[in-house]
Full PDB file with SEQRES, HELIX, SHEET, SSBOND, CRYST1, ORIGX, SCALE, CONECT and MASTER records, all heavy atoms in Angstrom:
SEQRES   1 A   36  ARG VAL LEU GLU MET LEU LYS ARG GLY LEU GLN ASN LYS          
SEQRES   2 A   36  GLN ILE ALA TYR GLU LEU LYS ILE SER GLU THR THR VAL          
SEQRES   3 A   36  LYS VAL HIS VAL SER ASP ILE LEU ARG LYS                      
HELIX    1 AA1 VAL A    2  LYS A    7  1                                   6    
HELIX    2 AA2 ASN A   12  LEU A   19  1                                   8    
HELIX    3 AA3 GLU A   23  ARG A   35  1                                  13    
CRYST1    1.000    1.000    1.000  90.00  90.00  90.00 P 1           1          
ORIGX1      1.000000  0.000000  0.000000        0.00000                         
ORIGX2      0.000000  1.000000  0.000000        0.00000                         
ORIGX3      0.000000  0.000000  1.000000        0.00000                         
SCALE1      1.000000  0.000000  0.000000        0.00000                         
SCALE2      0.000000  1.000000  0.000000        0.00000                         
SCALE3      0.000000  0.000000  1.000000        0.00000                         
ATOM      1  N   ARG A   1     -41.526 -11.883  -5.714  1.00  0.00           N  
ATOM      2  CA  ARG A   1     -42.339 -13.037  -5.466  1.00  0.00           C  
ATOM      3  C   ARG A   1     -41.597 -14.290  -5.986  1.00  0.00           C  
ATOM      4  O   ARG A   1     -41.630 -15.331  -5.278  1.00  0.00           O  
ATOM      5  CB  ARG A   1     -43.677 -12.916  -6.228  1.00  0.00           C  
ATOM      6  CG  ARG A   1     -44.743 -13.874  -5.805  1.00  0.00           C  
ATOM      7  CD  ARG A   1     -46.083 -13.580  -6.472  1.00  0.00           C  
ATOM      8  NE  ARG A   1     -47.102 -14.514  -6.054  1.00  0.00           N  
ATOM      9  CZ  ARG A   1     -48.264 -14.598  -6.654  1.00  0.00           C  
ATOM     10  NH1 ARG A   1     -48.605 -13.853  -7.656  1.00  0.00           N  
ATOM     11  NH2 ARG A   1     -49.166 -15.513  -6.239  1.00  0.00           N  
ATOM     12  N   VAL A   2     -40.971 -14.208  -7.097  1.00  0.00           N  
ATOM     13  CA  VAL A   2     -40.167 -15.370  -7.579  1.00  0.00           C  
ATOM     14  C   VAL A   2     -39.034 -15.708  -6.571  1.00  0.00           C  
ATOM     15  O   VAL A   2     -38.792 -16.893  -6.309  1.00  0.00           O  
ATOM     16  CB  VAL A   2     -39.581 -15.023  -8.980  1.00  0.00           C  
ATOM     17  CG1 VAL A   2     -38.555 -16.097  -9.387  1.00  0.00           C  
ATOM     18  CG2 VAL A   2     -40.685 -14.917 -10.007  1.00  0.00           C  
ATOM     19  N   LEU A   3     -38.434 -14.667  -6.072  1.00  0.00           N  
ATOM     20  CA  LEU A   3     -37.312 -14.946  -5.083  1.00  0.00           C  
ATOM     21  C   LEU A   3     -37.833 -15.600  -3.835  1.00  0.00           C  
ATOM     22  O   LEU A   3     -37.141 -16.517  -3.321  1.00  0.00           O  
ATOM     23  CB  LEU A   3     -36.719 -13.517  -4.730  1.00  0.00           C  
ATOM     24  CG  LEU A   3     -35.513 -13.593  -3.800  1.00  0.00           C  
ATOM     25  CD1 LEU A   3     -34.377 -14.485  -4.304  1.00  0.00           C  
ATOM     26  CD2 LEU A   3     -34.938 -12.204  -3.521  1.00  0.00           C  
ATOM     27  N   GLU A   4     -39.052 -15.216  -3.380  1.00  0.00           N  
ATOM     28  CA  GLU A   4     -39.582 -15.944  -2.235  1.00  0.00           C  
ATOM     29  C   GLU A   4     -39.773 -17.412  -2.555  1.00  0.00           C  
ATOM     30  O   GLU A   4     -39.540 -18.315  -1.740  1.00  0.00           O  
ATOM     31  CB  GLU A   4     -40.943 -15.314  -1.866  1.00  0.00           C  
ATOM     32  CG  GLU A   4     -40.858 -14.105  -0.979  1.00  0.00           C  
ATOM     33  CD  GLU A   4     -40.386 -14.447   0.442  1.00  0.00           C  
ATOM     34  OE1 GLU A   4     -40.485 -15.633   0.826  1.00  0.00           O  
ATOM     35  OE2 GLU A   4     -39.936 -13.561   1.137  1.00  0.00           O  
ATOM     36  N   MET A   5     -40.253 -17.691  -3.774  1.00  0.00           N  
ATOM     37  CA  MET A   5     -40.468 -19.103  -4.154  1.00  0.00           C  
ATOM     38  C   MET A   5     -39.193 -19.873  -4.311  1.00  0.00           C  
ATOM     39  O   MET A   5     -39.073 -21.033  -3.988  1.00  0.00           O  
ATOM     40  CB  MET A   5     -41.275 -19.130  -5.488  1.00  0.00           C  
ATOM     41  CG  MET A   5     -42.659 -18.561  -5.334  1.00  0.00           C  
ATOM     42  SD  MET A   5     -43.595 -18.618  -6.877  1.00  0.00           S  
ATOM     43  CE  MET A   5     -45.244 -18.039  -6.277  1.00  0.00           C  
ATOM     44  N   LEU A   6     -38.132 -19.163  -4.747  1.00  0.00           N  
ATOM     45  CA  LEU A   6     -36.808 -19.765  -4.829  1.00  0.00           C  
ATOM     46  C   LEU A   6     -36.341 -20.195  -3.442  1.00  0.00           C  
ATOM     47  O   LEU A   6     -35.803 -21.313  -3.257  1.00  0.00           O  
ATOM     48  CB  LEU A   6     -35.759 -18.849  -5.489  1.00  0.00           C  
ATOM     49  CG  LEU A   6     -35.885 -18.525  -6.984  1.00  0.00           C  
ATOM     50  CD1 LEU A   6     -34.848 -17.499  -7.351  1.00  0.00           C  
ATOM     51  CD2 LEU A   6     -35.755 -19.780  -7.786  1.00  0.00           C  
ATOM     52  N   LYS A   7     -36.596 -19.325  -2.481  1.00  0.00           N  
ATOM     53  CA  LYS A   7     -36.159 -19.579  -1.096  1.00  0.00           C  
ATOM     54  C   LYS A   7     -36.934 -20.774  -0.507  1.00  0.00           C  
ATOM     55  O   LYS A   7     -36.474 -21.496   0.336  1.00  0.00           O  
ATOM     56  CB  LYS A   7     -36.433 -18.324  -0.271  1.00  0.00           C  
ATOM     57  CG  LYS A   7     -35.665 -18.442   1.062  1.00  0.00           C  
ATOM     58  CD  LYS A   7     -35.698 -17.086   1.839  1.00  0.00           C  
ATOM     59  CE  LYS A   7     -34.796 -17.132   3.043  1.00  0.00           C  
ATOM     60  NZ  LYS A   7     -35.186 -18.170   4.031  1.00  0.00           N  
ATOM     61  N   ARG A   8     -38.203 -20.944  -1.039  1.00  0.00           N  
ATOM     62  CA  ARG A   8     -39.005 -22.088  -0.544  1.00  0.00           C  
ATOM     63  C   ARG A   8     -38.556 -23.382  -1.221  1.00  0.00           C  
ATOM     64  O   ARG A   8     -39.081 -24.434  -0.882  1.00  0.00           O  
ATOM     65  CB  ARG A   8     -40.435 -21.807  -0.830  1.00  0.00           C  
ATOM     66  CG  ARG A   8     -41.108 -20.834   0.115  1.00  0.00           C  
ATOM     67  CD  ARG A   8     -42.465 -20.292  -0.459  1.00  0.00           C  
ATOM     68  NE  ARG A   8     -43.281 -21.338  -1.031  1.00  0.00           N  
ATOM     69  CZ  ARG A   8     -44.294 -21.066  -1.889  1.00  0.00           C  
ATOM     70  NH1 ARG A   8     -44.609 -19.807  -2.129  1.00  0.00           N  
ATOM     71  NH2 ARG A   8     -45.015 -22.019  -2.320  1.00  0.00           N  
ATOM     72  N   GLY A   9     -37.620 -23.304  -2.198  1.00  0.00           N  
ATOM     73  CA  GLY A   9     -37.088 -24.477  -2.865  1.00  0.00           C  
ATOM     74  C   GLY A   9     -37.853 -24.874  -4.098  1.00  0.00           C  
ATOM     75  O   GLY A   9     -37.640 -26.018  -4.618  1.00  0.00           O  
ATOM     76  N   LEU A  10     -38.762 -24.016  -4.620  1.00  0.00           N  
ATOM     77  CA  LEU A  10     -39.541 -24.364  -5.821  1.00  0.00           C  
ATOM     78  C   LEU A  10     -38.590 -24.285  -7.052  1.00  0.00           C  
ATOM     79  O   LEU A  10     -37.750 -23.429  -7.148  1.00  0.00           O  
ATOM     80  CB  LEU A  10     -40.687 -23.403  -5.956  1.00  0.00           C  
ATOM     81  CG  LEU A  10     -41.993 -23.788  -5.245  1.00  0.00           C  
ATOM     82  CD1 LEU A  10     -41.781 -23.878  -3.793  1.00  0.00           C  
ATOM     83  CD2 LEU A  10     -43.107 -22.872  -5.651  1.00  0.00           C  
ATOM     84  N   GLN A  11     -38.863 -25.145  -7.971  1.00  0.00           N  
ATOM     85  CA  GLN A  11     -38.156 -25.170  -9.292  1.00  0.00           C  
ATOM     86  C   GLN A  11     -38.918 -24.267 -10.271  1.00  0.00           C  
ATOM     87  O   GLN A  11     -40.090 -23.929 -10.040  1.00  0.00           O  
ATOM     88  CB  GLN A  11     -38.037 -26.633  -9.837  1.00  0.00           C  
ATOM     89  CG  GLN A  11     -37.240 -27.538  -8.894  1.00  0.00           C  
ATOM     90  CD  GLN A  11     -35.797 -27.012  -8.606  1.00  0.00           C  
ATOM     91  OE1 GLN A  11     -35.111 -26.689  -9.593  1.00  0.00           O  
ATOM     92  NE2 GLN A  11     -35.411 -26.920  -7.401  1.00  0.00           N  
ATOM     93  N   ASN A  12     -38.265 -24.016 -11.376  1.00  0.00           N  
ATOM     94  CA  ASN A  12     -38.898 -23.112 -12.383  1.00  0.00           C  
ATOM     95  C   ASN A  12     -40.244 -23.567 -12.843  1.00  0.00           C  
ATOM     96  O   ASN A  12     -41.133 -22.760 -12.950  1.00  0.00           O  
ATOM     97  CB  ASN A  12     -37.964 -22.997 -13.627  1.00  0.00           C  
ATOM     98  CG  ASN A  12     -36.726 -22.235 -13.337  1.00  0.00           C  
ATOM     99  OD1 ASN A  12     -36.560 -21.654 -12.245  1.00  0.00           O  
ATOM    100  ND2 ASN A  12     -35.803 -22.178 -14.286  1.00  0.00           N  
ATOM    101  N   LYS A  13     -40.444 -24.865 -13.013  1.00  0.00           N  
ATOM    102  CA  LYS A  13     -41.686 -25.396 -13.492  1.00  0.00           C  
ATOM    103  C   LYS A  13     -42.832 -25.158 -12.463  1.00  0.00           C  
ATOM    104  O   LYS A  13     -43.918 -24.753 -12.822  1.00  0.00           O  
ATOM    105  CB  LYS A  13     -41.575 -26.898 -13.770  1.00  0.00           C  
ATOM    106  CG  LYS A  13     -42.882 -27.536 -14.357  1.00  0.00           C  
ATOM    107  CD  LYS A  13     -42.625 -28.993 -14.707  1.00  0.00           C  
ATOM    108  CE  LYS A  13     -43.885 -29.607 -15.314  1.00  0.00           C  
ATOM    109  NZ  LYS A  13     -43.646 -31.011 -15.742  1.00  0.00           N  
ATOM    110  N   GLN A  14     -42.471 -25.325 -11.140  1.00  0.00           N  
ATOM    111  CA  GLN A  14     -43.446 -25.056 -10.076  1.00  0.00           C  
ATOM    112  C   GLN A  14     -43.800 -23.611  -9.988  1.00  0.00           C  
ATOM    113  O   GLN A  14     -44.948 -23.185  -9.763  1.00  0.00           O  
ATOM    114  CB  GLN A  14     -42.888 -25.590  -8.794  1.00  0.00           C  
ATOM    115  CG  GLN A  14     -42.690 -27.114  -8.751  1.00  0.00           C  
ATOM    116  CD  GLN A  14     -41.899 -27.587  -7.539  1.00  0.00           C  
ATOM    117  OE1 GLN A  14     -40.749 -27.148  -7.404  1.00  0.00           O  
ATOM    118  NE2 GLN A  14     -42.470 -28.364  -6.744  1.00  0.00           N  
ATOM    119  N   ILE A  15     -42.739 -22.758 -10.108  1.00  0.00           N  
ATOM    120  CA  ILE A  15     -43.024 -21.308 -10.029  1.00  0.00           C  
ATOM    121  C   ILE A  15     -43.843 -20.842 -11.201  1.00  0.00           C  
ATOM    122  O   ILE A  15     -44.793 -20.031 -10.962  1.00  0.00           O  
ATOM    123  CB  ILE A  15     -41.636 -20.573 -10.087  1.00  0.00           C  
ATOM    124  CG1 ILE A  15     -40.816 -20.846  -8.828  1.00  0.00           C  
ATOM    125  CG2 ILE A  15     -41.847 -19.017 -10.199  1.00  0.00           C  
ATOM    126  CD1 ILE A  15     -39.368 -20.281  -8.871  1.00  0.00           C  
ATOM    127  N   ALA A  16     -43.596 -21.342 -12.372  1.00  0.00           N  
ATOM    128  CA  ALA A  16     -44.351 -20.992 -13.578  1.00  0.00           C  
ATOM    129  C   ALA A  16     -45.890 -21.390 -13.344  1.00  0.00           C  
ATOM    130  O   ALA A  16     -46.731 -20.633 -13.655  1.00  0.00           O  
ATOM    131  CB  ALA A  16     -43.813 -21.712 -14.808  1.00  0.00           C  
ATOM    132  N   TYR A  17     -46.078 -22.555 -12.734  1.00  0.00           N  
ATOM    133  CA  TYR A  17     -47.432 -23.015 -12.527  1.00  0.00           C  
ATOM    134  C   TYR A  17     -48.136 -22.134 -11.519  1.00  0.00           C  
ATOM    135  O   TYR A  17     -49.316 -21.737 -11.728  1.00  0.00           O  
ATOM    136  CB  TYR A  17     -47.405 -24.483 -11.966  1.00  0.00           C  
ATOM    137  CG  TYR A  17     -48.782 -25.039 -11.628  1.00  0.00           C  
ATOM    138  CD1 TYR A  17     -49.616 -25.459 -12.649  1.00  0.00           C  
ATOM    139  CD2 TYR A  17     -49.189 -25.052 -10.298  1.00  0.00           C  
ATOM    140  CE1 TYR A  17     -50.917 -26.006 -12.329  1.00  0.00           C  
ATOM    141  CE2 TYR A  17     -50.476 -25.564  -9.976  1.00  0.00           C  
ATOM    142  CZ  TYR A  17     -51.301 -26.027 -10.962  1.00  0.00           C  
ATOM    143  OH  TYR A  17     -52.514 -26.506 -10.651  1.00  0.00           O  
ATOM    144  N   GLU A  18     -47.457 -21.775 -10.377  1.00  0.00           N  
ATOM    145  CA  GLU A  18     -48.121 -20.925  -9.359  1.00  0.00           C  
ATOM    146  C   GLU A  18     -48.412 -19.519  -9.877  1.00  0.00           C  
ATOM    147  O   GLU A  18     -49.423 -18.947  -9.514  1.00  0.00           O  
ATOM    148  CB  GLU A  18     -47.237 -20.888  -8.119  1.00  0.00           C  
ATOM    149  CG  GLU A  18     -47.234 -22.155  -7.307  1.00  0.00           C  
ATOM    150  CD  GLU A  18     -46.919 -21.887  -5.841  1.00  0.00           C  
ATOM    151  OE1 GLU A  18     -47.038 -20.745  -5.338  1.00  0.00           O  
ATOM    152  OE2 GLU A  18     -46.504 -22.870  -5.118  1.00  0.00           O  
ATOM    153  N   LEU A  19     -47.486 -19.007 -10.649  1.00  0.00           N  
ATOM    154  CA  LEU A  19     -47.677 -17.622 -11.114  1.00  0.00           C  
ATOM    155  C   LEU A  19     -48.416 -17.521 -12.473  1.00  0.00           C  
ATOM    156  O   LEU A  19     -48.662 -16.429 -12.948  1.00  0.00           O  
ATOM    157  CB  LEU A  19     -46.294 -16.911 -11.227  1.00  0.00           C  
ATOM    158  CG  LEU A  19     -45.506 -16.752  -9.978  1.00  0.00           C  
ATOM    159  CD1 LEU A  19     -44.185 -16.045 -10.223  1.00  0.00           C  
ATOM    160  CD2 LEU A  19     -46.311 -16.015  -8.885  1.00  0.00           C  
ATOM    161  N   LYS A  20     -48.720 -18.702 -13.016  1.00  0.00           N  
ATOM    162  CA  LYS A  20     -49.405 -18.759 -14.338  1.00  0.00           C  
ATOM    163  C   LYS A  20     -48.645 -17.984 -15.406  1.00  0.00           C  
ATOM    164  O   LYS A  20     -49.201 -17.223 -16.177  1.00  0.00           O  
ATOM    165  CB  LYS A  20     -50.833 -18.179 -14.167  1.00  0.00           C  
ATOM    166  CG  LYS A  20     -51.688 -19.029 -13.246  1.00  0.00           C  
ATOM    167  CD  LYS A  20     -53.103 -18.405 -13.132  1.00  0.00           C  
ATOM    168  CE  LYS A  20     -53.995 -19.290 -12.295  1.00  0.00           C  
ATOM    169  NZ  LYS A  20     -53.544 -19.557 -10.948  1.00  0.00           N  
ATOM    170  N   ILE A  21     -47.346 -18.265 -15.437  1.00  0.00           N  
ATOM    171  CA  ILE A  21     -46.496 -17.669 -16.485  1.00  0.00           C  
ATOM    172  C   ILE A  21     -45.631 -18.818 -17.101  1.00  0.00           C  
ATOM    173  O   ILE A  21     -45.674 -19.960 -16.568  1.00  0.00           O  
ATOM    174  CB  ILE A  21     -45.541 -16.559 -15.930  1.00  0.00           C  
ATOM    175  CG1 ILE A  21     -44.638 -17.140 -14.757  1.00  0.00           C  
ATOM    176  CG2 ILE A  21     -46.361 -15.408 -15.514  1.00  0.00           C  
ATOM    177  CD1 ILE A  21     -43.691 -16.163 -14.253  1.00  0.00           C  
ATOM    178  N   SER A  22     -44.937 -18.526 -18.177  1.00  0.00           N  
ATOM    179  CA  SER A  22     -44.163 -19.611 -18.798  1.00  0.00           C  
ATOM    180  C   SER A  22     -42.840 -19.836 -18.089  1.00  0.00           C  
ATOM    181  O   SER A  22     -42.360 -18.898 -17.366  1.00  0.00           O  
ATOM    182  CB  SER A  22     -43.843 -19.225 -20.265  1.00  0.00           C  
ATOM    183  OG  SER A  22     -42.965 -18.119 -20.326  1.00  0.00           O  
ATOM    184  N   GLU A  23     -42.250 -20.980 -18.287  1.00  0.00           N  
ATOM    185  CA  GLU A  23     -40.961 -21.272 -17.678  1.00  0.00           C  
ATOM    186  C   GLU A  23     -39.892 -20.344 -18.235  1.00  0.00           C  
ATOM    187  O   GLU A  23     -38.954 -19.998 -17.516  1.00  0.00           O  
ATOM    188  CB  GLU A  23     -40.552 -22.708 -17.937  1.00  0.00           C  
ATOM    189  CG  GLU A  23     -41.268 -23.753 -17.069  1.00  0.00           C  
ATOM    190  CD  GLU A  23     -40.703 -25.157 -17.188  1.00  0.00           C  
ATOM    191  OE1 GLU A  23     -39.496 -25.336 -16.866  1.00  0.00           O  
ATOM    192  OE2 GLU A  23     -41.425 -26.014 -17.649  1.00  0.00           O  
ATOM    193  N   THR A  24     -40.037 -19.962 -19.480  1.00  0.00           N  
ATOM    194  CA  THR A  24     -39.037 -19.014 -20.061  1.00  0.00           C  
ATOM    195  C   THR A  24     -39.119 -17.695 -19.334  1.00  0.00           C  
ATOM    196  O   THR A  24     -37.999 -17.121 -19.061  1.00  0.00           O  
ATOM    197  CB  THR A  24     -39.374 -18.822 -21.549  1.00  0.00           C  
ATOM    198  OG1 THR A  24     -39.309 -20.062 -22.259  1.00  0.00           O  
ATOM    199  CG2 THR A  24     -38.378 -17.815 -22.161  1.00  0.00           C  
ATOM    200  N   THR A  25     -40.288 -17.181 -18.980  1.00  0.00           N  
ATOM    201  CA  THR A  25     -40.405 -15.973 -18.244  1.00  0.00           C  
ATOM    202  C   THR A  25     -39.771 -16.122 -16.873  1.00  0.00           C  
ATOM    203  O   THR A  25     -39.169 -15.187 -16.357  1.00  0.00           O  
ATOM    204  CB  THR A  25     -41.924 -15.526 -18.144  1.00  0.00           C  
ATOM    205  OG1 THR A  25     -42.439 -15.409 -19.462  1.00  0.00           O  
ATOM    206  CG2 THR A  25     -42.032 -14.235 -17.353  1.00  0.00           C  
ATOM    207  N   VAL A  26     -39.998 -17.256 -16.240  1.00  0.00           N  
ATOM    208  CA  VAL A  26     -39.380 -17.500 -14.934  1.00  0.00           C  
ATOM    209  C   VAL A  26     -37.865 -17.418 -15.072  1.00  0.00           C  
ATOM    210  O   VAL A  26     -37.172 -16.782 -14.200  1.00  0.00           O  
ATOM    211  CB  VAL A  26     -39.810 -18.908 -14.374  1.00  0.00           C  
ATOM    212  CG1 VAL A  26     -39.048 -19.180 -13.086  1.00  0.00           C  
ATOM    213  CG2 VAL A  26     -41.266 -18.923 -14.075  1.00  0.00           C  
ATOM    214  N   LYS A  27     -37.302 -18.078 -16.069  1.00  0.00           N  
ATOM    215  CA  LYS A  27     -35.889 -18.045 -16.302  1.00  0.00           C  
ATOM    216  C   LYS A  27     -35.348 -16.632 -16.452  1.00  0.00           C  
ATOM    217  O   LYS A  27     -34.276 -16.258 -15.905  1.00  0.00           O  
ATOM    218  CB  LYS A  27     -35.484 -18.883 -17.473  1.00  0.00           C  
ATOM    219  CG  LYS A  27     -35.658 -20.390 -17.302  1.00  0.00           C  
ATOM    220  CD  LYS A  27     -35.322 -21.137 -18.573  1.00  0.00           C  
ATOM    221  CE  LYS A  27     -35.520 -22.633 -18.355  1.00  0.00           C  
ATOM    222  NZ  LYS A  27     -35.266 -23.420 -19.606  1.00  0.00           N  
ATOM    223  N   VAL A  28     -36.082 -15.780 -17.114  1.00  0.00           N  
ATOM    224  CA  VAL A  28     -35.698 -14.377 -17.311  1.00  0.00           C  
ATOM    225  C   VAL A  28     -35.729 -13.668 -15.935  1.00  0.00           C  
ATOM    226  O   VAL A  28     -34.777 -12.928 -15.609  1.00  0.00           O  
ATOM    227  CB  VAL A  28     -36.643 -13.653 -18.265  1.00  0.00           C  
ATOM    228  CG1 VAL A  28     -36.374 -12.140 -18.322  1.00  0.00           C  
ATOM    229  CG2 VAL A  28     -36.496 -14.223 -19.679  1.00  0.00           C  
ATOM    230  N   HIS A  29     -36.762 -13.934 -15.166  1.00  0.00           N  
ATOM    231  CA  HIS A  29     -36.857 -13.311 -13.849  1.00  0.00           C  
ATOM    232  C   HIS A  29     -35.667 -13.788 -12.988  1.00  0.00           C  
ATOM    233  O   HIS A  29     -35.045 -12.966 -12.205  1.00  0.00           O  
ATOM    234  CB  HIS A  29     -38.200 -13.740 -13.144  1.00  0.00           C  
ATOM    235  CG  HIS A  29     -39.385 -12.958 -13.606  1.00  0.00           C  
ATOM    236  ND1 HIS A  29     -39.321 -11.595 -13.866  1.00  0.00           N  
ATOM    237  CD2 HIS A  29     -40.624 -13.349 -13.873  1.00  0.00           C  
ATOM    238  CE1 HIS A  29     -40.526 -11.165 -14.284  1.00  0.00           C  
ATOM    239  NE2 HIS A  29     -41.366 -12.242 -14.284  1.00  0.00           N  
ATOM    240  N   VAL A  30     -35.381 -15.056 -12.981  1.00  0.00           N  
ATOM    241  CA  VAL A  30     -34.302 -15.559 -12.146  1.00  0.00           C  
ATOM    242  C   VAL A  30     -32.930 -14.905 -12.571  1.00  0.00           C  
ATOM    243  O   VAL A  30     -32.190 -14.474 -11.696  1.00  0.00           O  
ATOM    244  CB  VAL A  30     -34.200 -17.077 -12.248  1.00  0.00           C  
ATOM    245  CG1 VAL A  30     -32.910 -17.567 -11.568  1.00  0.00           C  
ATOM    246  CG2 VAL A  30     -35.414 -17.761 -11.609  1.00  0.00           C  
ATOM    247  N   SER A  31     -32.726 -14.789 -13.847  1.00  0.00           N  
ATOM    248  CA  SER A  31     -31.492 -14.111 -14.315  1.00  0.00           C  
ATOM    249  C   SER A  31     -31.410 -12.715 -13.852  1.00  0.00           C  
ATOM    250  O   SER A  31     -30.315 -12.237 -13.401  1.00  0.00           O  
ATOM    251  CB  SER A  31     -31.403 -14.207 -15.865  1.00  0.00           C  
ATOM    252  OG  SER A  31     -31.375 -15.483 -16.354  1.00  0.00           O  
ATOM    253  N   ASP A  32     -32.515 -11.948 -13.974  1.00  0.00           N  
ATOM    254  CA  ASP A  32     -32.534 -10.553 -13.508  1.00  0.00           C  
ATOM    255  C   ASP A  32     -32.294 -10.479 -11.939  1.00  0.00           C  
ATOM    256  O   ASP A  32     -31.616  -9.561 -11.446  1.00  0.00           O  
ATOM    257  CB  ASP A  32     -33.836  -9.877 -13.862  1.00  0.00           C  
ATOM    258  CG  ASP A  32     -33.940  -9.591 -15.360  1.00  0.00           C  
ATOM    259  OD1 ASP A  32     -32.886  -9.537 -15.996  1.00  0.00           O  
ATOM    260  OD2 ASP A  32     -35.037  -9.358 -15.849  1.00  0.00           O  
ATOM    261  N   ILE A  33     -32.896 -11.448 -11.246  1.00  0.00           N  
ATOM    262  CA  ILE A  33     -32.713 -11.428  -9.745  1.00  0.00           C  
ATOM    263  C   ILE A  33     -31.261 -11.660  -9.366  1.00  0.00           C  
ATOM    264  O   ILE A  33     -30.684 -10.920  -8.588  1.00  0.00           O  
ATOM    265  CB  ILE A  33     -33.538 -12.528  -9.144  1.00  0.00           C  
ATOM    266  CG1 ILE A  33     -35.038 -12.215  -9.230  1.00  0.00           C  
ATOM    267  CG2 ILE A  33     -33.198 -12.799  -7.732  1.00  0.00           C  
ATOM    268  CD1 ILE A  33     -35.977 -13.340  -8.899  1.00  0.00           C  
ATOM    269  N   LEU A  34     -30.584 -12.609 -10.046  1.00  0.00           N  
ATOM    270  CA  LEU A  34     -29.163 -12.905  -9.747  1.00  0.00           C  
ATOM    271  C   LEU A  34     -28.311 -11.678 -10.095  1.00  0.00           C  
ATOM    272  O   LEU A  34     -27.426 -11.279  -9.356  1.00  0.00           O  
ATOM    273  CB  LEU A  34     -28.680 -14.110 -10.524  1.00  0.00           C  
ATOM    274  CG  LEU A  34     -29.445 -15.456 -10.296  1.00  0.00           C  
ATOM    275  CD1 LEU A  34     -28.779 -16.566 -11.069  1.00  0.00           C  
ATOM    276  CD2 LEU A  34     -29.444 -15.772  -8.799  1.00  0.00           C  
ATOM    277  N   ARG A  35     -28.604 -11.036 -11.214  1.00  0.00           N  
ATOM    278  CA  ARG A  35     -27.838  -9.848 -11.604  1.00  0.00           C  
ATOM    279  C   ARG A  35     -27.990  -8.676 -10.615  1.00  0.00           C  
ATOM    280  O   ARG A  35     -27.054  -8.090 -10.179  1.00  0.00           O  
ATOM    281  CB  ARG A  35     -28.304  -9.376 -12.980  1.00  0.00           C  
ATOM    282  CG  ARG A  35     -27.623  -8.092 -13.490  1.00  0.00           C  
ATOM    283  CD  ARG A  35     -28.062  -7.745 -14.937  1.00  0.00           C  
ATOM    284  NE  ARG A  35     -29.522  -7.646 -15.107  1.00  0.00           N  
ATOM    285  CZ  ARG A  35     -30.198  -6.604 -14.742  1.00  0.00           C  
ATOM    286  NH1 ARG A  35     -29.585  -5.506 -14.251  1.00  0.00           N  
ATOM    287  NH2 ARG A  35     -31.518  -6.595 -14.932  1.00  0.00           N  
ATOM    288  N   LYS A  36     -29.241  -8.438 -10.199  1.00  0.00           N  
ATOM    289  CA  LYS A  36     -29.547  -7.321  -9.270  1.00  0.00           C  
ATOM    290  C   LYS A  36     -29.022  -7.632  -7.873  1.00  0.00           C  
ATOM    291  O   LYS A  36     -28.692  -6.628  -7.134  1.00  0.00           O  
ATOM    292  CB  LYS A  36     -31.006  -7.033  -9.224  1.00  0.00           C  
ATOM    293  CG  LYS A  36     -31.558  -6.464 -10.578  1.00  0.00           C  
ATOM    294  CD  LYS A  36     -33.051  -6.192 -10.516  1.00  0.00           C  
ATOM    295  CE  LYS A  36     -33.548  -5.560 -11.823  1.00  0.00           C  
ATOM    296  NZ  LYS A  36     -35.016  -5.326 -11.760  1.00  0.00           N  
TER     297      LYS A  36                                                      
MASTER        0    0    0    3    0    0    0    6  296    1    0    3          
END                                                                             
């Protein structure tokens, strides 16, 4: 879901707002996505 939002051009703050999670959690997700 985070990857879909990245593709839509959303920034971490916007992703955090939509998913109701912290920006720190978004950063962890993004790091894991890039690694995988």
